[in-house]
Amino acid sequence: MKRRFVLTPEAKADPRDILLDLAEDSPDAAERLRSEIYESFQRLGQSPGIGHYRDELLTAAIAFGFYSYVVCYVWQRKPIQIFAVVHGARGLAIFLSSRLSSR
């Protein structure tokens, strides 16, 4: 089956960093979250456009939330391009403006 999403280099590192932090306290929870992160990527690839438009993402991207995390992606591309996986409590406007300017 053809892959319906791609991750930018930064987005590839985001889940790894999140999971390493979580695994220090709970390896089982980290493993469950790992599975759910990649299931969310698959779900986004199968249904581009789901999620919410966020002002800090401009008009090109959508944020899809699960648990406390936000997956930011460009849905108009085929395959969709995931460019960030970030905790929702972060200062998203500042974080995402730096992430988007580096693309």
Foldseek 3Di string as FASTA:
>chain_A
DDQQEDEDPAAVVALVVVLVVVCVPPNVVSVVVVVVVVVVSRVCSVPPPPAADDVLQPPQWHWHDDDQWTWIWGRVDGSIYTYHIGGNVPPCSVVVVVSVVVD
